């Protein structure tokens, strides 16, 4: 799954692509954003890209 396209996808769409529940996507997203200090998925992706993680 491309990171740029996943930013515009809903939790349900990401969940379907990864074969997990939408709640799991929301929980993982929230946890990652908290750890990164990001306010949005876009900002979290930017931080990850800046650090070379994606």
PDB file of N, CA and C in Angstrom:
ATOM      1  N   UNK A   1       0.847  -1.168   0.000  1.00  0.00           N
ATOM      2  CA  UNK A   1       0.000   0.000   0.000  1.00  0.00           C
ATOM      3  C   UNK A   1       0.893   1.231   0.000  1.00  0.00           C
ATOM      4  N   UNK A   2       0.642   2.127  -0.904  1.00  0.00           N
ATOM      5  CA  UNK A   2       1.396   3.359  -1.035  1.00  0.00           C
ATOM      6  C   UNK A   2       1.031   4.311   0.092  1.00  0.00           C
ATOM      7  N   UNK A   3       2.035   4.899   0.745  1.00  0.00           N
ATOM      8  CA  UNK A   3       1.799   5.796   1.872  1.00  0.00           C
ATOM      9  C   UNK A   3       0.966   7.006   1.478  1.00  0.00           C
ATOM     10  N   UNK A   4       1.273   7.625   0.334  1.00  0.00           N
ATOM     11  CA  UNK A   4       0.522   8.807  -0.087  1.00  0.00           C
ATOM     12  C   UNK A   4      -0.946   8.492  -0.313  1.00  0.00           C
ATOM     13  N   UNK A   5      -1.234   7.334  -0.895  1.00  0.00           N
ATOM     14  CA  UNK A   5      -2.634   6.991  -1.128  1.00  0.00           C
ATOM     15  C   UNK A   5      -3.322   6.603   0.170  1.00  0.00           C
ATOM     16  N   UNK A   6      -2.584   6.037   1.131  1.00  0.00           N
ATOM     17  CA  UNK A   6      -3.213   5.641   2.392  1.00  0.00           C
ATOM     18  C   UNK A   6      -3.623   6.850   3.218  1.00  0.00           C
ATOM     19  N   UNK A   7      -3.005   8.004   2.991  1.00  0.00           N
ATOM     20  CA  UNK A   7      -3.380   9.213   3.721  1.00  0.00           C
ATOM     21  C   UNK A   7      -4.806   9.611   3.371  1.00  0.00           C
ATOM     22  N   UNK A   8      -5.194   9.428   2.126  1.00  0.00           N
ATOM     23  CA  UNK A   8      -6.532   9.829   1.695  1.00  0.00           C
ATOM     24  C   UNK A   8      -7.571   8.726   1.880  1.00  0.00           C
ATOM     25  N   UNK A   9      -7.149   7.553   2.321  1.00  0.00           N
ATOM     26  CA  UNK A   9      -8.074   6.443   2.531  1.00  0.00           C
ATOM     27  C   UNK A   9      -8.704   6.546   3.918  1.00  0.00           C
ATOM     28  N   UNK A  10      -9.918   6.032   4.036  1.00  0.00           N
ATOM     29  CA  UNK A  10     -10.575   5.971   5.343  1.00  0.00           C
ATOM     30  C   UNK A  10     -10.021   4.782   6.121  1.00  0.00           C
ATOM     31  N   UNK A  11     -10.281   4.773   7.415  1.00  0.00           N
ATOM     32  CA  UNK A  11      -9.853   3.651   8.253  1.00  0.00           C
ATOM     33  C   UNK A  11     -10.462   2.351   7.729  1.00  0.00           C
ATOM     34  N   UNK A  12     -11.703   2.400   7.287  1.00  0.00           N
ATOM     35  CA  UNK A  12     -12.367   1.199   6.766  1.00  0.00           C
ATOM     36  C   UNK A  12     -11.678   0.691   5.500  1.00  0.00           C
ATOM     37  N   UNK A  13     -11.272   1.610   4.622  1.00  0.00           N
ATOM     38  CA  UNK A  13     -10.594   1.212   3.384  1.00  0.00           C
ATOM     39  C   UNK A  13      -9.215   0.609   3.684  1.00  0.00           C
ATOM     40  N   UNK A  14      -8.495   1.210   4.604  1.00  0.00           N
ATOM     41  CA  UNK A  14      -7.182   0.665   4.994  1.00  0.00           C
ATOM     42  C   UNK A  14      -7.371  -0.706   5.631  1.00  0.00           C
ATOM     43  N   UNK A  15      -8.375  -0.827   6.493  1.00  0.00           N
ATOM     44  CA  UNK A  15      -8.656  -2.105   7.159  1.00  0.00           C
ATOM     45  C   UNK A  15      -8.953  -3.196   6.149  1.00  0.00           C
ATOM     46  N   UNK A  16      -9.742  -2.877   5.154  1.00  0.00           N
ATOM     47  CA  UNK A  16     -10.080  -3.867   4.130  1.00  0.00           C
ATOM     48  C   UNK A  16      -8.822  -4.299   3.378  1.00  0.00           C
ATOM     49  N   UNK A  17      -7.945  -3.342   3.051  1.00  0.00           N
ATOM     50  CA  UNK A  17      -6.719  -3.662   2.313  1.00  0.00           C
ATOM     51  C   UNK A  17      -5.767  -4.524   3.141  1.00  0.00           C
ATOM     52  N   UNK A  18      -5.782  -4.326   4.466  1.00  0.00           N
ATOM     53  CA  UNK A  18      -4.868  -5.059   5.351  1.00  0.00           C
ATOM     54  C   UNK A  18      -5.515  -6.272   6.018  1.00  0.00           C
ATOM     55  N   UNK A  19      -6.803  -6.479   5.761  1.00  0.00           N
ATOM     56  CA  UNK A  19      -7.559  -7.598   6.345  1.00  0.00           C
ATOM     57  C   UNK A  19      -7.570  -7.547   7.872  1.00  0.00           C
ATOM     58  N   UNK A  20      -7.824  -6.360   8.410  1.00  0.00           N
ATOM     59  CA  UNK A  20      -8.008  -6.152   9.848  1.00  0.00           C
ATOM     60  C   UNK A  20      -9.260  -5.305  10.030  1.00  0.00           C
ATOM     61  N   UNK A  21      -9.672  -5.088  11.271  1.00  0.00           N
ATOM     62  CA  UNK A  21     -10.871  -4.264  11.496  1.00  0.00           C
ATOM     63  C   UNK A  21     -10.532  -2.783  11.439  1.00  0.00           C
ATOM     64  N   UNK A  22     -11.551  -1.987  11.172  1.00  0.00           N
ATOM     65  CA  UNK A  22     -11.372  -0.533  11.139  1.00  0.00           C
ATOM     66  C   UNK A  22     -10.946  -0.020  12.511  1.00  0.00           C
ATOM     67  N   UNK A  23     -11.444  -0.641  13.573  1.00  0.00           N
ATOM     68  CA  UNK A  23     -11.049  -0.261  14.929  1.00  0.00           C
ATOM     69  C   UNK A  23      -9.561  -0.470  15.164  1.00  0.00           C
ATOM     70  N   UNK A  24      -9.032  -1.559  14.626  1.00  0.00           N
ATOM     71  CA  UNK A  24      -7.605  -1.829  14.741  1.00  0.00           C
ATOM     72  C   UNK A  24      -6.802  -0.740  14.039  1.00  0.00           C
ATOM     73  N   UNK A  25      -7.241  -0.354  12.864  1.00  0.00           N
ATOM     74  CA  UNK A  25      -6.562   0.710  12.119  1.00  0.00           C
ATOM     75  C   UNK A  25      -6.590   2.000  12.921  1.00  0.00           C
ATOM     76  N   UNK A  26      -7.764   2.349  13.465  1.00  0.00           N
ATOM     77  CA  UNK A  26      -7.878   3.580  14.252  1.00  0.00           C
ATOM     78  C   UNK A  26      -6.984   3.527  15.487  1.00  0.00           C
ATOM     79  N   UNK A  27      -6.953   2.385  16.173  1.00  0.00           N
ATOM     80  CA  UNK A  27      -6.111   2.256  17.371  1.00  0.00           C
ATOM     81  C   UNK A  27      -4.630   2.375  17.025  1.00  0.00           C
ATOM     82  N   UNK A  28      -4.183   1.682  15.990  1.00  0.00           N
ATOM     83  CA  UNK A  28      -2.782   1.732  15.593  1.00  0.00           C
ATOM     84  C   UNK A  28      -2.398   3.129  15.118  1.00  0.00           C
ATOM     85  N   UNK A  29      -3.297   3.755  14.371  1.00  0.00           N
ATOM     86  CA  UNK A  29      -3.038   5.101  13.870  1.00  0.00           C
ATOM     87  C   UNK A  29      -2.909   6.082  15.032  1.00  0.00           C
ATOM     88  N   UNK A  30      -3.821   5.999  15.967  1.00  0.00           N
ATOM     89  CA  UNK A  30      -3.796   6.882  17.128  1.00  0.00           C
ATOM     90  C   UNK A  30      -2.528   6.688  17.945  1.00  0.00           C
ATOM     91  N   UNK A  31      -2.148   5.432  18.153  1.00  0.00           N
ATOM     92  CA  UNK A  31      -0.932   5.135  18.915  1.00  0.00           C
ATOM     93  C   UNK A  31       0.309   5.686  18.226  1.00  0.00           C
ATOM     94  N   UNK A  32       0.402   5.474  16.927  1.00  0.00           N
ATOM     95  CA  UNK A  32       1.560   5.964  16.169  1.00  0.00           C
ATOM     96  C   UNK A  32       1.613   7.486  16.185  1.00  0.00           C
ATOM     97  N   UNK A  33       0.455   8.120  16.011  1.00  0.00           N
ATOM     98  CA  UNK A  33       0.428   9.582  15.997  1.00  0.00           C
ATOM     99  C   UNK A  33       0.830  10.151  17.356  1.00  0.00           C
ATOM    100  N   UNK A  34       0.386   9.529  18.426  1.00  0.00           N
ATOM    101  CA  UNK A  34       0.766   9.970  19.768  1.00  0.00           C
ATOM    102  C   UNK A  34       2.265   9.851  19.970  1.00  0.00           C
ATOM    103  N   UNK A  35       2.824   8.713  19.590  1.00  0.00           N
ATOM    104  CA  UNK A  35       4.267   8.491  19.750  1.00  0.00           C
ATOM    105  C   UNK A  35       5.098   9.468  18.928  1.00  0.00           C
ATOM    106  N   UNK A  36       4.583   9.852  17.772  1.00  0.00           N
ATOM    107  CA  UNK A  36       5.302  10.784  16.893  1.00  0.00           C
ATOM    108  C   UNK A  36       5.022  12.245  17.229  1.00  0.00           C
ATOM    109  N   UNK A  37       3.997  12.501  18.033  1.00  0.00           N
ATOM    110  CA  UNK A  37       3.601  13.869  18.329  1.00  0.00           C
ATOM    111  C   UNK A  37       2.914  14.530  17.146  1.00  0.00           C
ATOM    112  N   UNK A  38       2.293  13.714  16.307  1.00  0.00           N
ATOM    113  CA  UNK A  38       1.636  14.215  15.092  1.00  0.00           C
ATOM    114  C   UNK A  38       0.165  14.507  15.377  1.00  0.00           C
ATOM    115  N   UNK A  39      -0.356  15.510  14.698  1.00  0.00           N
ATOM    116  CA  UNK A  39      -1.759  15.881  14.854  1.00  0.00           C
ATOM    117  C   UNK A  39      -2.645  15.293  13.767  1.00  0.00           C
ATOM    118  N   UNK A  40      -2.044  14.746  12.716  1.00  0.00           N
ATOM    119  CA  UNK A  40      -2.812  14.178  11.613  1.00  0.00           C
ATOM    120  C   UNK A  40      -2.030  13.019  11.005  1.00  0.00           C
ATOM    121  N   UNK A  41      -2.741  12.205  10.211  1.00  0.00           N
ATOM    122  CA  UNK A  41      -2.051  11.116   9.514  1.00  0.00           C
ATOM    123  C   UNK A  41      -1.046  11.670   8.522  1.00  0.00           C
ATOM    124  N   UNK A  42      -1.382  12.780   7.901  1.00  0.00           N
ATOM    125  CA  UNK A  42      -0.468  13.404   6.943  1.00  0.00           C
ATOM    126  C   UNK A  42       0.818  13.835   7.649  1.00  0.00           C
ATOM    127  N   UNK A  43       0.694  14.445   8.818  1.00  0.00           N
ATOM    128  CA  UNK A  43       1.872  14.877   9.567  1.00  0.00           C
ATOM    129  C   UNK A  43       2.674  13.660  10.041  1.00  0.00           C
ATOM    130  N   UNK A  44       2.006  12.604  10.460  1.00  0.00           N
ATOM    131  CA  UNK A  44       2.700  11.387  10.886  1.00  0.00           C
ATOM    132  C   UNK A  44       3.491  10.794   9.720  1.00  0.00           C
ATOM    133  N   UNK A  45       2.879  10.765   8.539  1.00  0.00           N
ATOM    134  CA  UNK A  45       3.574  10.244   7.355  1.00  0.00           C
ATOM    135  C   UNK A  45       4.772  11.115   7.007  1.00  0.00           C
ATOM    136  N   UNK A  46       4.622  12.419   7.153  1.00  0.00           N
ATOM    137  CA  UNK A  46       5.725  13.343   6.867  1.00  0.00           C
ATOM    138  C   UNK A  46       6.888  13.120   7.828  1.00  0.00           C
ATOM    139  N   UNK A  47       6.577  12.953   9.103  1.00  0.00           N
ATOM    140  CA  UNK A  47       7.621  12.687  10.105  1.00  0.00           C
ATOM    141  C   UNK A  47       8.331  11.378   9.786  1.00  0.00           C
ATOM    142  N   UNK A  48       7.556  10.345   9.477  1.00  0.00           N
ATOM    143  CA  UNK A  48       8.148   9.039   9.153  1.00  0.00           C
ATOM    144  C   UNK A  48       9.027   9.123   7.911  1.00  0.00           C
ATOM    145  N   UNK A  49       8.575   9.851   6.905  1.00  0.00           N
ATOM    146  CA  UNK A  49       9.351  10.020   5.677  1.00  0.00           C
ATOM    147  C   UNK A  49      10.646  10.789   5.963  1.00  0.00           C
ATOM    148  N   UNK A  50      10.560  11.841   6.784  1.00  0.00           N
ATOM    149  CA  UNK A  50      11.733  12.642   7.135  1.00  0.00           C
ATOM    150  C   UNK A  50      12.798  11.829   7.860  1.00  0.00           C
ATOM    151  N   UNK A  51      12.343  10.820   8.619  1.00  0.00           N
ATOM    152  CA  UNK A  51      13.273   9.965   9.360  1.00  0.00           C
ATOM    153  C   UNK A  51      13.729   8.738   8.550  1.00  0.00           C
ATOM    154  N   UNK A  52      13.218   8.605   7.335  1.00  0.00           N
ATOM    155  CA  UNK A  52      13.598   7.484   6.484  1.00  0.00           C
ATOM    156  C   UNK A  52      12.937   6.168   6.854  1.00  0.00           C
ATOM    157  N   UNK A  53      11.841   6.236   7.601  1.00  0.00           N
ATOM    158  CA  UNK A  53      11.148   5.015   8.024  1.00  0.00           C
ATOM    159  C   UNK A  53      10.250   4.467   6.940  1.00  0.00           C
ATOM    160  N   UNK A  54       9.865   5.313   5.994  1.00  0.00           N
ATOM    161  CA  UNK A  54       9.029   4.854   4.880  1.00  0.00           C
ATOM    162  C   UNK A  54       9.576   5.434   3.589  1.00  0.00           C
TER     163      UNK A  54
END
